[in-house]
Amino acid sequence: MSQPNVLFVMTDQQRFDTIAALGNAEIYTPHLDRLAQRGAAFTNAYSTCPVCVPARYTIRTGCEPPTTRSFSNGLSQPVAGQAETMEGRCGPYLAHTMQSRGYRTFGIGKFHTAPRWDEDLGYEVHLHSEELYATADQRRRDAYAGWIAREHPQFDYIEALMGERTEMYYMPQISPLPAALTVERWAADRAVEQIAADDGRPYFGFVSFIGPHPPFAPPVPFNRMYDPDRMPNPVVGDSAVDYMDEQIPWMNHLIWAEAINDPHARVLKARYYGEISYIDDCLGRILDAVEARGDADNTVICFFADHGDHLGDHHAWQKESFFEAACRVPFLVSWPDRLPAAVRRDELVCLTDLFAIATAAATAGRRRPAVEVREGIDVLGLLDGRSAPREFLTGMYGEPGSPQFKIMIRQDAWKYIFMANGGREQLFDVAADPAEFHNCMSHEGQIGRRLREVAVRACRVPGAAAGLAGDDLRAFPFQARPLRRIYQFDRSRGVVGFPARPEDVWSIFSISGGRRGSQTP
């Protein structure tokens, strides 16, 4: 058999429970349903560090946060004995690896690298659509923003091409652009072009959509697909349980989400679903391009998200917790020539496993080089019976040795979470209690202690050892972080904050090329 094409499609902040074919009766996702029918849907898939930057590094390296040294939206310094560079610690990035195995490589969309926004990830064709532009040069060199400026200059005045951010994250919006010009449609169109190209090599493509990450701003007509009063309310339990993770109230305040009521939450879910249905429509274009080639059945397609969104569940918004809403993700894998269709699997898998999916597919019909599993598992081997499932799945967030560190252990029906800030513990039976209402630590202590021991063992690696105090997990006296707000402005246009006086806006921001200085709108 010849080497298959390999196509990865990722969304940003899409919950696991947002695919109609997998049980969501409220959402319309015909092309995600089509993709689920094409192969296997893993129903226990996780982001092991559920926030943008570290999740993406697990995918492109096949390594977990102790090795990548990314435990939040940034990078930590390597510890003693670790190489200075990411590829020195982990090995070549996935795109570099696939190129070395004979693949034509292209990457399109959001990649969110650190500290450089344009880090070389190994793609022969690399078209960025990043969310924020720190400088005028970055906005000019961002492939999507540059395309708007060149091809559709009538829209180049827009400060936030994907919708207004931070303080407007959880305010329902409509796209400032028509459906044909949004970043999702642009990414799909560029993917179609790359899939149609042919230089005799199989392709490895990575398409990374920005949505449905907030702000929730679907274009017309997707903004009106869902009636808010048909949406369910958030699932909330006892706030004493939900707020054991101090990150939740802190994050709610950070992005102006500390007082969202149920009607507002239903409107937001309607817009969030509209975003997903729009991305689904864009996905349909990509799948049609795959099917238009003669090698469609010899094409591996993986669909996944970097993490979820609480959407008000557990009194929380955004991500960065180990509640299911934040860390559990959709995970679809298909290869018609080799794998069965329309199956569901409940083994524990995670984003780190994607590296081995790609490299295992690249070995088709070849003895060497072998599959590179790195710190994941061989999911394709799992599907055809050649490899065993993992017994435990570990997640980490926050720098080990800091109060923000937390660790999750998932085994069978049980999920254990330890939070260093206060040494707080949670234990959930996610089979009997899928909403994670009931903390079982008080009456299932033996299970909790066993999983805590697994967490201790998971920290006995160079990049996480600071999370230990002797033979146990390190805890700190509980202390709430000072509350603050975060603002995200278009620094590429010189917008760095709100004016001291409303009328001063004219001196810091020129709209549509208008005159600077004091003027009356």
Protein backbone atom coordinates (compact mmCIF):
# COMPACT_ATOMS: atom_id res chain seq x y z
CA MET A 1 0.00 0.00 0.00
CA SER A 2 1.24 3.49 -0.82
CA GLN A 3 1.67 6.08 1.89
CA PRO A 4 -1.67 7.72 2.68
CA ASN A 5 -2.37 11.40 2.71
CA VAL A 6 -2.78 12.68 6.26
CA LEU A 7 -5.06 15.61 7.06
CA PHE A 8 -5.47 17.11 10.52
CA VAL A 9 -8.34 19.53 11.11
CA MET A 10 -8.48 21.34 14.44
CA THR A 11 -10.94 23.75 15.98
CA ASP A 12 -10.28 26.02 18.93
CA GLN A 13 -12.33 25.71 22.11
CA GLN A 14 -14.90 23.19 20.81
CA ARG A 15 -16.52 21.03 23.48
CA PHE A 16 -16.70 17.25 23.14
CA ASP A 17 -20.52 17.30 23.15
CA THR A 18 -21.10 19.39 20.01
CA ILE A 19 -21.53 16.77 17.28
CA ALA A 20 -25.06 15.73 16.32
CA ALA A 21 -24.09 12.17 15.34
CA LEU A 22 -22.55 11.63 18.78
CA GLY A 23 -25.66 12.56 20.71
CA ASN A 24 -26.32 16.30 20.61
CA ALA A 25 -29.89 16.65 19.35
CA GLU A 26 -29.82 20.48 19.38
CA ILE A 27 -26.92 21.09 16.98
CA TYR A 28 -26.69 20.80 13.19
CA THR A 29 -23.35 19.33 12.05
CA PRO A 30 -23.90 17.30 8.85
CA HIS A 31 -20.23 17.26 7.85
CA LEU A 32 -18.90 16.35 11.28
CA ASP A 33 -21.54 13.61 11.21
CA ARG A 34 -20.22 12.58 7.79
CA LEU A 35 -16.70 12.44 9.20
CA ALA A 36 -17.83 10.40 12.22
CA GLN A 37 -19.48 7.96 9.79
CA ARG A 38 -16.18 7.72 7.88
CA GLY A 39 -14.26 6.19 10.80
CA ALA A 40 -13.90 6.02 14.58
CA ALA A 41 -15.12 8.51 17.17
CA PHE A 42 -13.21 8.40 20.45
CA THR A 43 -15.56 9.40 23.26
CA ASN A 44 -12.94 9.68 26.01
CA ALA A 45 -10.45 12.04 24.38
CA TYR A 46 -8.67 14.74 26.36
CA SER A 47 -6.49 17.78 26.10
CA THR A 48 -3.87 17.10 28.75
CA CYS A 49 -3.19 20.81 29.25
CA PRO A 50 -6.45 22.50 28.28
CA VAL A 51 -5.35 25.89 27.02
CA CYS A 52 -4.20 27.05 23.58
CA VAL A 53 -0.39 27.16 23.54
CA PRO A 54 0.46 23.99 25.51
CA ALA A 55 -2.24 21.96 23.75
CA ARG A 56 -0.76 22.86 20.39
CA TYR A 57 2.75 21.94 21.50
CA THR A 58 1.58 18.49 22.62
CA ILE A 59 0.23 17.95 19.09
CA ARG A 60 3.27 19.15 17.18
CA THR A 61 5.77 17.37 19.45
CA GLY A 62 4.01 14.23 20.66
CA CYS A 63 5.22 15.15 24.15
CA GLU A 64 3.52 16.18 27.36
CA PRO A 65 3.97 19.50 29.23
CA PRO A 66 6.85 18.33 31.48
CA THR A 67 8.87 17.87 28.28
CA THR A 68 7.51 20.78 26.21
CA ARG A 69 7.73 23.04 29.30
CA SER A 70 4.43 24.65 28.33
CA PHE A 71 1.92 24.54 31.20
CA SER A 72 -0.09 27.67 30.33
CA ASN A 73 -0.11 30.22 27.51
CA GLY A 74 3.64 30.57 27.41
CA LEU A 75 6.82 28.55 27.89
CA SER A 76 8.70 27.79 31.11
CA GLN A 77 12.45 27.51 31.26
CA PRO A 78 13.84 23.99 30.80
CA VAL A 79 15.02 22.28 33.96
CA ALA A 80 18.46 20.82 34.58
CA GLY A 81 19.23 18.06 32.11
CA GLN A 82 16.74 19.25 29.49
CA ALA A 83 17.78 20.72 26.15
CA GLU A 84 17.28 24.44 25.67
CA THR A 85 15.12 24.22 22.55
CA MET A 86 11.71 22.61 22.11
CA GLU A 87 12.88 20.32 19.30
CA GLY A 88 16.02 19.54 21.28
CA ARG A 89 13.84 18.24 24.12
CA CYS A 90 11.12 16.60 22.05
CA GLY A 91 12.57 15.79 18.64
CA PRO A 92 11.64 17.35 15.29
CA TYR A 93 8.18 18.88 15.02
CA LEU A 94 5.49 16.83 13.32
CA ALA A 95 5.63 18.73 10.03
CA HIS A 96 9.44 18.38 9.92
CA THR A 97 9.03 14.67 10.67
CA MET A 98 6.43 14.12 7.93
CA GLN A 99 8.49 16.06 5.41
CA SER A 100 11.46 13.80 6.17
CA ARG A 101 9.21 10.82 5.43
CA GLY A 102 8.41 12.02 1.95
CA TYR A 103 5.37 14.23 2.48
CA ARG A 104 4.39 17.54 0.96
CA THR A 105 3.41 19.64 3.96
CA PHE A 106 1.08 22.60 4.42
CA GLY A 107 -0.23 24.36 7.51
CA ILE A 108 -3.12 26.82 7.46
CA GLY A 109 -4.69 28.85 10.26
CA LYS A 110 -3.96 29.51 13.90
CA PHE A 111 -0.76 28.02 15.32
CA HIS A 112 -0.22 30.16 18.43
CA THR A 113 3.47 29.55 18.92
CA ALA A 114 5.59 31.12 21.64
CA PRO A 115 7.56 33.27 22.00
CA ARG A 116 7.62 33.94 18.22
CA TRP A 117 4.28 34.10 16.42
CA ASP A 118 5.94 32.92 13.18
CA GLU A 119 8.07 30.07 14.52
CA ASP A 120 9.26 27.66 11.82
CA LEU A 121 7.19 24.51 12.37
CA GLY A 122 8.33 22.68 9.26
CA TYR A 123 5.57 23.38 6.74
CA GLU A 124 6.59 23.96 3.14
CA VAL A 125 3.49 26.14 2.79
CA HIS A 126 2.60 27.93 6.03
CA LEU A 127 -0.32 30.37 5.94
CA HIS A 128 -1.03 32.06 9.25
CA SER A 129 -4.31 33.43 10.54
CA GLU A 130 -3.43 34.39 14.09
CA GLU A 131 -5.99 36.08 16.36
CA LEU A 132 -4.02 39.12 17.46
CA TYR A 133 -1.47 41.37 15.79
CA ALA A 134 1.18 42.81 18.09
CA THR A 135 2.76 45.03 15.43
CA ALA A 136 1.96 46.51 12.05
CA ASP A 137 4.53 44.14 10.55
CA GLN A 138 2.76 41.11 12.00
CA ARG A 139 -0.61 42.22 10.66
CA ARG A 140 0.95 42.76 7.23
CA ARG A 141 2.65 39.34 7.23
CA ASP A 142 -0.31 37.41 8.66
CA ALA A 143 -1.62 35.57 5.60
CA TYR A 144 -5.29 36.17 6.36
CA ALA A 145 -5.02 39.81 7.47
CA GLY A 146 -2.78 40.49 4.48
CA TRP A 147 -5.35 38.87 2.17
CA ILE A 148 -8.08 41.12 3.55
CA ALA A 149 -5.89 44.19 3.06
CA ARG A 150 -5.00 43.25 -0.52
CA GLU A 151 -8.12 41.57 -1.84
CA HIS A 152 -10.88 43.20 0.20
CA PRO A 153 -9.51 46.57 1.36
CA GLN A 154 -13.01 47.86 2.10
CA PHE A 155 -12.87 45.72 5.25
CA ASP A 156 -9.30 46.47 6.27
CA TYR A 157 -10.43 49.19 8.68
CA ILE A 158 -11.82 46.50 11.02
CA GLU A 159 -9.76 46.37 14.20
CA ALA A 160 -10.77 42.82 15.22
CA LEU A 161 -11.44 40.73 12.12
CA MET A 162 -12.76 37.81 14.19
CA GLY A 163 -14.96 39.93 16.51
CA GLU A 164 -14.28 42.08 19.55
CA ARG A 165 -12.32 40.34 22.27
CA THR A 166 -11.85 39.98 26.03
CA GLU A 167 -14.46 42.25 27.58
CA MET A 168 -16.73 41.24 24.65
CA TYR A 169 -15.80 37.53 24.67
CA TYR A 170 -19.11 36.49 26.16
CA MET A 171 -21.29 39.10 24.54
CA PRO A 172 -23.23 37.68 21.56
CA GLN A 173 -21.94 39.17 18.33
CA ILE A 174 -22.27 38.88 14.58
CA SER A 175 -19.24 38.57 12.31
CA PRO A 176 -17.96 41.93 11.05
CA LEU A 177 -17.41 40.16 7.72
CA PRO A 178 -19.71 38.28 5.32
CA ALA A 179 -19.57 34.49 5.43
CA ALA A 180 -17.45 34.26 2.28
CA LEU A 181 -14.67 36.39 3.78
CA THR A 182 -14.33 35.17 7.37
CA VAL A 183 -11.18 33.53 8.62
CA GLU A 184 -12.85 30.10 8.67
CA ARG A 185 -13.92 30.29 5.04
CA TRP A 186 -10.50 31.66 4.07
CA ALA A 187 -8.81 28.69 5.80
CA ALA A 188 -11.13 26.21 4.10
CA ASP A 189 -10.54 27.77 0.68
CA ARG A 190 -6.78 27.69 1.12
CA ALA A 191 -7.01 24.06 2.26
CA VAL A 192 -9.01 23.16 -0.84
CA GLU A 193 -6.26 24.68 -2.99
CA GLN A 194 -3.54 22.74 -1.21
CA ILE A 195 -5.44 19.45 -1.30
CA ALA A 196 -5.99 19.83 -5.05
CA ALA A 197 -2.26 20.39 -5.69
CA ASP A 198 -0.20 17.35 -6.66
CA ASP A 199 3.57 17.02 -7.00
CA GLY A 200 3.67 13.22 -6.79
CA ARG A 201 4.11 13.13 -3.00
CA PRO A 202 1.39 12.36 -0.47
CA TYR A 203 0.35 15.39 1.53
CA PHE A 204 0.35 16.11 5.23
CA GLY A 205 -1.93 19.04 5.94
CA PHE A 206 -2.87 20.81 9.15
CA VAL A 207 -5.90 23.12 9.05
CA SER A 208 -6.42 25.03 12.28
CA PHE A 209 -9.65 27.01 12.59
CA ILE A 210 -9.82 29.95 15.02
CA GLY A 211 -13.46 29.30 15.93
CA PRO A 212 -15.50 28.58 17.92
CA HIS A 213 -13.15 30.32 20.38
CA PRO A 214 -14.87 33.45 21.69
CA PRO A 215 -16.01 35.98 20.74
CA PHE A 216 -19.05 34.11 19.45
CA ALA A 217 -19.60 35.99 16.18
CA PRO A 218 -21.00 33.73 13.46
CA PRO A 219 -21.71 35.35 10.08
CA VAL A 220 -25.14 35.72 8.49
CA PRO A 221 -27.15 33.45 8.36
CA PHE A 222 -25.45 31.25 10.95
CA ASN A 223 -26.08 33.89 13.61
CA ARG A 224 -29.80 33.07 13.42
CA MET A 225 -29.74 29.27 13.28
CA TYR A 226 -30.53 28.66 16.93
CA ASP A 227 -33.28 30.02 19.16
CA PRO A 228 -31.73 30.79 22.57
CA ASP A 229 -34.85 29.62 24.39
CA ARG A 230 -34.36 26.15 22.89
CA MET A 231 -30.87 25.96 24.35
CA PRO A 232 -30.32 24.23 27.70
CA ASN A 233 -29.12 26.21 30.69
CA PRO A 234 -25.59 25.67 32.02
CA VAL A 235 -25.08 22.67 34.29
CA VAL A 236 -24.03 23.95 37.68
CA GLY A 237 -23.50 22.19 40.99
CA ASP A 238 -22.59 23.36 44.44
CA SER A 239 -20.34 26.38 44.05
CA ALA A 240 -18.24 25.06 46.94
CA VAL A 241 -17.28 22.14 44.67
CA ASP A 242 -17.08 24.12 41.44
CA TYR A 243 -14.92 26.86 42.98
CA MET A 244 -12.45 24.48 44.61
CA ASP A 245 -10.45 25.30 41.50
CA GLU A 246 -9.59 28.92 42.26
CA GLN A 247 -8.77 29.42 38.56
CA ILE A 248 -12.51 29.49 37.79
CA PRO A 249 -13.64 32.62 39.68
CA TRP A 250 -10.34 34.31 38.82
CA MET A 251 -10.82 33.63 35.09
CA ASN A 252 -14.49 34.64 35.18
CA HIS A 253 -13.49 38.05 36.49
CA LEU A 254 -10.58 38.31 34.07
CA ILE A 255 -12.87 38.23 31.04
CA TRP A 256 -16.01 39.95 32.43
CA ALA A 257 -17.96 36.71 32.90
CA GLU A 258 -18.54 36.76 36.66
CA ALA A 259 -22.26 37.59 36.48
CA ILE A 260 -23.72 35.87 33.39
CA ASN A 261 -27.30 34.75 34.03
CA ASP A 262 -29.13 31.82 32.43
CA PRO A 263 -30.90 33.76 29.64
CA HIS A 264 -27.60 35.38 28.63
CA ALA A 265 -25.91 31.96 28.74
CA ARG A 266 -28.56 30.51 26.42
CA VAL A 267 -27.98 33.31 23.91
CA LEU A 268 -24.25 32.63 24.05
CA LYS A 269 -24.75 28.91 23.49
CA ALA A 270 -26.96 29.68 20.48
CA ARG A 271 -24.18 31.82 18.97
CA TYR A 272 -21.55 29.22 19.91
CA TYR A 273 -23.56 26.55 18.10
CA GLY A 274 -23.89 28.92 15.14
CA GLU A 275 -20.10 29.20 15.03
CA ILE A 276 -19.77 25.41 15.03
CA SER A 277 -22.38 24.96 12.29
CA TYR A 278 -20.52 27.53 10.20
CA ILE A 279 -17.21 25.74 10.70
CA ASP A 280 -19.01 22.50 9.86
CA ASP A 281 -20.05 24.09 6.54
CA CYS A 282 -16.42 25.04 5.90
CA LEU A 283 -15.35 21.50 6.81
CA GLY A 284 -17.74 20.22 4.16
CA ARG A 285 -15.77 22.10 1.50
CA ILE A 286 -12.57 20.46 2.71
CA LEU A 287 -14.10 16.98 2.73
CA ASP A 288 -15.43 17.54 -0.79
CA ALA A 289 -11.88 18.42 -1.91
CA VAL A 290 -10.57 15.19 -0.36
CA GLU A 291 -13.29 13.19 -2.09
CA ALA A 292 -12.54 14.84 -5.45
CA ARG A 293 -9.13 13.16 -5.51
CA GLY A 294 -8.65 9.58 -6.62
CA ASP A 295 -6.90 8.69 -3.38
CA ALA A 296 -9.68 9.74 -1.00
CA ASP A 297 -9.95 6.33 0.65
CA ASN A 298 -6.22 6.31 1.26
CA THR A 299 -6.43 9.57 3.21
CA VAL A 300 -6.24 9.63 6.99
CA ILE A 301 -8.37 12.41 8.47
CA CYS A 302 -8.24 13.41 12.12
CA PHE A 303 -10.61 16.01 13.55
CA PHE A 304 -10.11 17.37 17.07
CA ALA A 305 -10.10 20.50 19.23
CA ASP A 306 -7.37 21.95 21.40
CA HIS A 307 -9.73 22.06 24.43
CA GLY A 308 -13.34 22.87 25.30
CA ASP A 309 -15.26 25.75 26.88
CA HIS A 310 -17.18 25.62 30.17
CA LEU A 311 -20.00 27.73 28.67
CA GLY A 312 -21.28 28.42 32.16
CA ASP A 313 -21.11 24.82 33.38
CA HIS A 314 -19.71 24.68 36.94
CA HIS A 315 -20.23 28.45 37.21
CA ALA A 316 -17.29 28.76 34.78
CA TRP A 317 -16.38 30.32 31.45
CA GLN A 318 -13.34 29.73 29.27
CA LYS A 319 -11.13 26.66 29.85
CA GLU A 320 -8.04 25.73 31.95
CA SER A 321 -9.81 23.36 34.34
CA PHE A 322 -10.07 19.58 34.41
CA PHE A 323 -13.85 19.51 34.35
CA GLU A 324 -15.03 17.57 31.30
CA ALA A 325 -16.42 20.68 29.59
CA ALA A 326 -12.93 22.21 29.46
CA CYS A 327 -10.55 19.31 28.94
CA ARG A 328 -12.54 16.69 27.00
CA VAL A 329 -12.50 17.13 23.23
CA PRO A 330 -13.98 15.70 20.02
CA PHE A 331 -11.58 13.22 18.42
CA LEU A 332 -12.44 11.59 15.08
CA VAL A 333 -10.05 9.31 13.18
CA SER A 334 -10.73 7.78 9.76
CA TRP A 335 -8.89 5.90 7.03
CA PRO A 336 -11.36 4.05 4.78
CA ASP A 337 -8.72 1.80 3.19
CA ARG A 338 -7.60 0.44 6.56
CA LEU A 339 -10.07 1.20 9.34
CA PRO A 340 -13.71 0.33 10.00
CA ALA A 341 -16.37 3.00 9.58
CA ALA A 342 -18.98 4.35 11.98
CA VAL A 343 -17.51 2.96 15.19
CA ARG A 344 -17.24 4.45 18.65
CA ARG A 345 -14.35 3.73 20.98
CA ASP A 346 -14.11 4.50 24.67
CA GLU A 347 -10.38 4.07 25.28
CA LEU A 348 -8.52 7.00 26.83
CA VAL A 349 -6.77 9.02 24.13
CA CYS A 350 -5.37 12.55 24.02
CA LEU A 351 -3.91 15.15 21.71
CA THR A 352 -0.39 13.85 22.31
CA ASP A 353 -1.40 10.69 20.45
CA LEU A 354 -1.87 12.56 17.17
CA PHE A 355 1.87 12.53 16.52
CA ALA A 356 1.86 8.73 16.44
CA ILE A 357 -1.25 8.62 14.23
CA ALA A 358 0.56 10.63 11.56
CA THR A 359 3.87 8.77 11.79
CA ALA A 360 2.17 5.36 11.92
CA ALA A 361 0.20 6.20 8.78
CA ALA A 362 3.43 7.31 7.09
CA THR A 363 4.92 3.83 7.62
CA ALA A 364 2.25 2.16 5.46
CA GLY A 365 3.97 -0.31 3.14
CA ARG A 366 7.35 0.46 4.69
CA ARG A 367 9.52 -1.11 7.34
CA ARG A 368 11.42 2.05 8.16
CA PRO A 369 11.25 4.51 9.67
CA ALA A 370 8.98 3.09 12.33
CA VAL A 371 6.08 4.81 14.04
CA GLU A 372 7.19 7.50 16.49
CA VAL A 373 4.97 7.23 19.54
CA ARG A 374 7.04 9.56 21.75
CA GLU A 375 4.95 10.21 24.89
CA GLY A 376 1.59 9.18 23.45
CA ILE A 377 0.17 5.84 22.34
CA ASP A 378 -0.31 4.24 18.92
CA VAL A 379 -3.99 4.90 18.21
CA LEU A 380 -3.94 3.27 14.77
CA GLY A 381 -2.42 0.19 16.41
CA LEU A 382 -5.16 0.36 19.00
CA LEU A 383 -7.81 0.40 16.27
CA ASP A 384 -6.44 -2.65 14.46
CA GLY A 385 -5.52 -4.59 17.61
CA ARG A 386 -1.74 -4.25 17.46
CA SER A 387 -1.28 -2.05 20.55
CA ALA A 388 -2.74 -1.86 24.03
CA PRO A 389 -4.76 1.01 25.49
CA ARG A 390 -3.33 3.21 28.23
CA GLU A 391 -4.30 2.42 31.81
CA PHE A 392 -4.15 6.00 33.08
CA LEU A 393 -4.31 9.39 31.45
CA THR A 394 -2.54 12.32 33.09
CA GLY A 395 -3.20 16.03 32.66
CA MET A 396 -1.21 18.94 34.06
CA TYR A 397 -1.78 22.67 34.15
CA GLY A 398 0.35 25.42 35.72
CA GLU A 399 4.05 25.36 36.52
CA PRO A 400 4.90 22.41 38.81
CA GLY A 401 6.12 23.79 42.12
CA SER A 402 3.81 26.82 41.90
CA PRO A 403 0.41 27.34 43.57
CA GLN A 404 -1.24 27.27 40.13
CA PHE A 405 -0.14 23.68 39.47
CA LYS A 406 -2.86 21.08 39.20
CA ILE A 407 -2.83 17.50 38.01
CA MET A 408 -5.58 15.20 36.77
CA ILE A 409 -5.55 11.40 36.65
CA ARG A 410 -8.23 9.59 34.66
CA GLN A 411 -8.72 5.81 34.95
CA ASP A 412 -11.83 3.80 34.04
CA ALA A 413 -14.80 5.76 35.42
CA TRP A 414 -12.72 7.78 37.89
CA LYS A 415 -11.17 11.21 37.62
CA TYR A 416 -8.88 12.55 40.35
CA ILE A 417 -7.81 16.22 40.46
CA PHE A 418 -5.23 17.74 42.81
CA MET A 419 -4.82 21.51 43.09
CA ALA A 420 -1.62 22.72 44.73
CA ASN A 421 -3.29 25.96 45.87
CA GLY A 422 -4.67 24.76 49.20
CA GLY A 423 -3.88 21.09 48.49
CA ARG A 424 -7.49 20.63 47.37
CA GLU A 425 -8.66 17.33 45.92
CA GLN A 426 -11.61 16.22 43.82
CA LEU A 427 -12.71 12.74 42.80
CA PHE A 428 -15.52 12.20 40.32
CA ASP A 429 -17.21 9.07 39.03
CA VAL A 430 -17.77 10.36 35.51
CA ALA A 431 -19.82 7.30 34.53
CA ALA A 432 -22.38 7.61 37.34
CA ASP A 433 -22.04 11.41 37.63
CA PRO A 434 -21.20 12.79 34.15
CA ALA A 435 -22.04 16.34 35.25
CA GLU A 436 -19.34 16.07 37.96
CA PHE A 437 -21.61 17.31 40.73
CA HIS A 438 -20.41 15.04 43.52
CA ASN A 439 -16.90 15.13 44.94
CA CYS A 440 -16.35 11.55 46.16
CA MET A 441 -13.12 12.09 48.10
CA SER A 442 -14.87 11.83 51.49
CA HIS A 443 -16.44 8.41 50.87
CA GLU A 444 -14.15 6.91 48.21
CA GLY A 445 -10.89 7.82 49.88
CA GLN A 446 -9.17 4.56 48.99
CA ILE A 447 -9.67 5.22 45.28
CA GLY A 448 -8.59 8.82 45.74
CA ARG A 449 -5.42 7.82 47.57
CA ARG A 450 -4.57 5.26 44.88
CA LEU A 451 -4.96 7.83 42.11
CA ARG A 452 -2.99 10.38 44.12
CA GLU A 453 -0.12 7.87 44.15
CA VAL A 454 -0.41 7.66 40.37
CA ALA A 455 -0.19 11.47 40.24
CA VAL A 456 2.97 11.35 42.37
CA ARG A 457 4.54 8.86 39.96
CA ALA A 458 3.55 11.04 37.01
CA CYS A 459 5.48 13.94 38.58
CA ARG A 460 8.66 11.90 38.91
CA VAL A 461 10.01 13.18 35.61
CA PRO A 462 12.49 16.03 35.21
CA GLY A 463 9.99 18.64 34.04
CA ALA A 464 7.44 18.02 36.80
CA ALA A 465 9.50 17.00 39.82
CA ALA A 466 9.09 20.46 41.36
CA GLY A 467 5.45 19.53 41.91
CA LEU A 468 6.55 17.09 44.61
CA ALA A 469 7.47 17.60 48.25
CA GLY A 470 9.38 14.47 49.14
CA ASP A 471 7.18 11.49 48.32
CA ASP A 472 3.95 13.43 47.99
CA LEU A 473 2.38 16.19 45.93
CA ARG A 474 3.43 19.65 46.97
CA ALA A 475 0.70 21.86 48.43
CA PHE A 476 0.59 25.54 49.35
CA PRO A 477 -1.59 27.37 51.87
CA PHE A 478 -4.64 28.51 49.94
CA GLN A 479 -4.46 32.05 48.65
CA ALA A 480 -6.82 33.66 46.16
CA ARG A 481 -5.09 35.58 43.41
CA PRO A 482 -5.83 39.30 43.12
CA LEU A 483 -8.60 39.85 40.60
CA ARG A 484 -7.79 41.74 37.43
CA ARG A 485 -9.10 42.32 33.94
CA ILE A 486 -7.46 41.54 30.63
CA TYR A 487 -7.75 43.67 27.51
CA GLN A 488 -6.81 42.64 24.00
CA PHE A 489 -6.53 45.55 21.58
CA ASP A 490 -5.16 45.83 18.06
CA ARG A 491 -1.66 46.97 18.91
CA SER A 492 -0.79 46.81 15.21
CA ARG A 493 -2.94 49.92 14.80
CA GLY A 494 -1.56 51.62 17.89
CA VAL A 495 -4.60 50.81 20.02
CA VAL A 496 -3.27 49.92 23.46
CA GLY A 497 -6.08 50.91 25.81
CA PHE A 498 -9.12 53.02 26.45
CA PRO A 499 -8.66 56.81 26.48
CA ALA A 500 -8.64 58.73 29.76
CA ARG A 501 -11.53 60.80 28.36
CA PRO A 502 -14.00 59.49 25.76
CA GLU A 503 -13.23 62.33 23.35
CA ASP A 504 -9.55 61.39 23.38
CA VAL A 505 -10.31 58.33 21.25
CA TRP A 506 -9.84 60.50 18.17
CA SER A 507 -6.24 61.15 19.08
CA ILE A 508 -5.31 57.48 19.37
CA PHE A 509 -7.32 55.75 16.68
CA SER A 510 -8.07 56.67 13.10
CA ILE A 511 -11.24 55.09 11.72
CA SER A 512 -11.34 54.34 7.99
CA GLY A 513 -8.37 56.57 7.43
CA GLY A 514 -10.09 59.56 9.01
CA ARG A 515 -8.19 62.54 10.41
CA ARG A 516 -6.44 62.15 13.74
CA GLY A 517 -6.92 64.68 16.47
CA SER A 518 -9.94 66.15 18.19
CA GLN A 519 -13.06 65.93 16.07
CA THR A 520 -16.72 65.27 16.34
CA PRO A 521 -17.94 61.92 14.97
